[in-house]
């Protein structure tokens, strides 16, 4: 079954910073925009950054997962393994600060995955992951 693109609207406190982060750093093409929002093609999905002057960085919770404190809430995409590796290398080369450094989670177990977490400039948490066997995405 082919996946349909998702639509996600997130609050940001600075559209220029969002454009730099999603557009320049991640290479997400910009779509429509207005004075208070901008669309990004986020790996084939529609991500809309909406200006919210009331916010600064989000106050986030975390859950312990495989020895790491995973930020909650978070969003992201599952990439092909080689694409995940290239993105992780590019971000490391750009000096990005990670919440959880690129690495392998659940090594040798069902659901083994490459993953990393980071925050955007407005405090939205993102996770990027990859599976060598994508059939294990929902495996128990």
Protein backbone atom coordinates (compact mmCIF):
# COMPACT_ATOMS: atom_id res chain seq x y z
CA UNK A 1 0.00 0.00 0.00
CA UNK A 2 1.39 3.40 -0.96
CA UNK A 3 1.60 5.87 1.89
CA UNK A 4 -0.23 9.17 1.73
CA UNK A 5 1.66 12.30 2.72
CA UNK A 6 0.84 13.62 6.18
CA UNK A 7 0.09 17.25 7.02
CA UNK A 8 1.52 18.65 10.24
CA UNK A 9 1.27 22.25 11.46
CA UNK A 10 3.76 23.29 14.14
CA UNK A 11 4.24 26.52 16.11
CA UNK A 12 7.44 28.50 15.58
CA UNK A 13 8.57 31.78 17.11
CA UNK A 14 10.70 32.92 14.16
CA UNK A 15 9.87 32.22 10.50
CA UNK A 16 13.36 33.19 9.33
CA UNK A 17 14.90 30.65 11.72
CA UNK A 18 12.37 28.02 10.57
CA UNK A 19 13.28 28.73 6.93
CA UNK A 20 16.98 28.36 7.72
CA UNK A 21 16.48 25.13 9.70
CA UNK A 22 13.98 23.31 7.47
CA UNK A 23 14.85 24.98 4.17
CA UNK A 24 18.62 25.50 4.26
CA UNK A 25 19.85 22.90 6.79
CA UNK A 26 17.49 20.07 5.81
CA UNK A 27 17.00 21.09 2.18
CA UNK A 28 13.20 21.00 2.38
CA UNK A 29 11.76 23.00 -0.54
CA UNK A 30 9.48 25.85 0.45
CA UNK A 31 5.91 25.84 -0.83
CA UNK A 32 3.24 28.45 -0.23
CA UNK A 33 3.73 31.07 2.46
CA UNK A 34 2.25 34.17 4.00
CA UNK A 35 3.40 36.69 6.59
CA UNK A 36 2.62 34.26 9.46
CA UNK A 37 3.22 30.77 8.01
CA UNK A 38 5.31 28.80 5.54
CA UNK A 39 4.84 25.35 3.95
CA UNK A 40 7.78 22.96 3.55
CA UNK A 41 8.06 19.76 1.53
CA UNK A 42 9.30 17.71 4.47
CA UNK A 43 10.55 14.54 2.78
CA UNK A 44 7.36 14.35 0.72
CA UNK A 45 5.06 15.48 3.53
CA UNK A 46 3.45 18.88 4.16
CA UNK A 47 4.96 20.61 7.18
CA UNK A 48 3.57 24.05 7.97
CA UNK A 49 5.41 26.39 10.32
CA UNK A 50 2.91 28.80 11.89
CA UNK A 51 4.20 31.90 13.62
CA UNK A 52 3.22 32.04 17.29
CA UNK A 53 4.74 35.05 19.02
CA UNK A 54 3.61 33.76 22.41
CA UNK A 55 6.04 30.86 22.46
CA UNK A 56 9.70 30.46 23.13
CA UNK A 57 11.23 27.01 23.43
CA UNK A 58 8.68 24.34 24.31
CA UNK A 59 8.69 22.72 27.71
CA UNK A 60 9.04 19.05 26.90
CA UNK A 61 8.72 15.81 28.79
CA UNK A 62 10.68 12.67 28.04
CA UNK A 63 10.29 8.92 28.29
CA UNK A 64 13.08 6.43 28.88
CA UNK A 65 13.58 4.28 25.77
CA UNK A 66 16.52 1.91 25.36
CA UNK A 67 18.70 3.89 27.78
CA UNK A 68 17.88 7.35 26.38
CA UNK A 69 15.47 10.10 27.41
CA UNK A 70 13.28 10.50 24.32
CA UNK A 71 11.60 13.92 23.98
CA UNK A 72 7.80 13.94 24.01
CA UNK A 73 6.15 15.09 21.87
CA UNK A 74 8.24 14.64 18.73
CA UNK A 75 7.75 14.01 15.02
CA UNK A 76 9.90 12.98 12.09
CA UNK A 77 10.26 10.56 9.22
CA UNK A 78 11.52 7.06 8.53
CA UNK A 79 14.15 7.28 5.81
CA UNK A 80 15.91 4.63 3.75
CA UNK A 81 19.05 3.52 5.64
CA UNK A 82 21.57 5.10 3.24
CA UNK A 83 19.62 8.38 3.17
CA UNK A 84 19.52 8.42 7.00
CA UNK A 85 23.30 7.89 7.14
CA UNK A 86 23.93 10.75 4.69
CA UNK A 87 21.61 13.09 6.62
CA UNK A 88 23.24 12.21 9.95
CA UNK A 89 26.71 12.83 8.48
CA UNK A 90 25.63 16.14 6.92
CA UNK A 91 24.10 17.38 10.18
CA UNK A 92 27.16 16.30 12.19
CA UNK A 93 29.36 18.12 9.68
CA UNK A 94 27.21 21.24 10.11
CA UNK A 95 27.81 21.13 13.87
CA UNK A 96 24.17 20.42 14.77
CA UNK A 97 23.50 19.81 18.45
CA UNK A 98 21.64 16.52 18.93
CA UNK A 99 19.37 15.60 21.84
CA UNK A 100 20.23 11.97 21.12
CA UNK A 101 23.25 11.43 18.88
CA UNK A 102 22.93 9.28 15.75
CA UNK A 103 23.13 5.63 16.68
CA UNK A 104 21.49 2.21 16.62
CA UNK A 105 18.62 1.46 18.99
CA UNK A 106 17.42 -2.06 19.93
CA UNK A 107 20.58 -3.55 18.40
CA UNK A 108 20.07 -7.21 17.54
CA UNK A 109 16.40 -7.11 18.55
CA UNK A 110 13.12 -6.88 16.67
CA UNK A 111 12.71 -3.26 15.60
CA UNK A 112 16.45 -2.51 15.39
CA UNK A 113 16.73 1.00 13.99
CA UNK A 114 19.08 3.87 13.33
CA UNK A 115 17.85 7.04 15.01
CA UNK A 116 18.71 10.53 16.17
CA UNK A 117 16.82 13.37 17.83
CA UNK A 118 17.23 17.13 17.68
CA UNK A 119 15.26 20.31 18.34
CA UNK A 120 14.35 22.96 15.78
CA UNK A 121 14.99 26.63 16.75
CA UNK A 122 11.50 26.85 18.33
CA UNK A 123 11.96 23.78 20.52
CA UNK A 124 9.99 21.29 18.40
CA UNK A 125 11.58 17.84 18.82
CA UNK A 126 12.29 15.78 15.70
CA UNK A 127 13.32 12.16 15.25
CA UNK A 128 14.80 10.69 12.10
CA UNK A 129 15.03 6.93 11.88
CA UNK A 130 15.77 4.11 9.46
CA UNK A 131 15.30 0.35 9.43
CA UNK A 132 17.43 -2.05 7.45
CA UNK A 133 14.27 -4.18 7.34
CA UNK A 134 11.31 -1.82 6.98
CA UNK A 135 8.91 -4.71 7.57
CA UNK A 136 9.92 -4.35 11.25
CA UNK A 137 8.49 -0.83 11.50
CA UNK A 138 5.52 -2.11 13.55
CA UNK A 139 6.98 -5.49 14.64
CA UNK A 140 6.70 -6.51 18.30
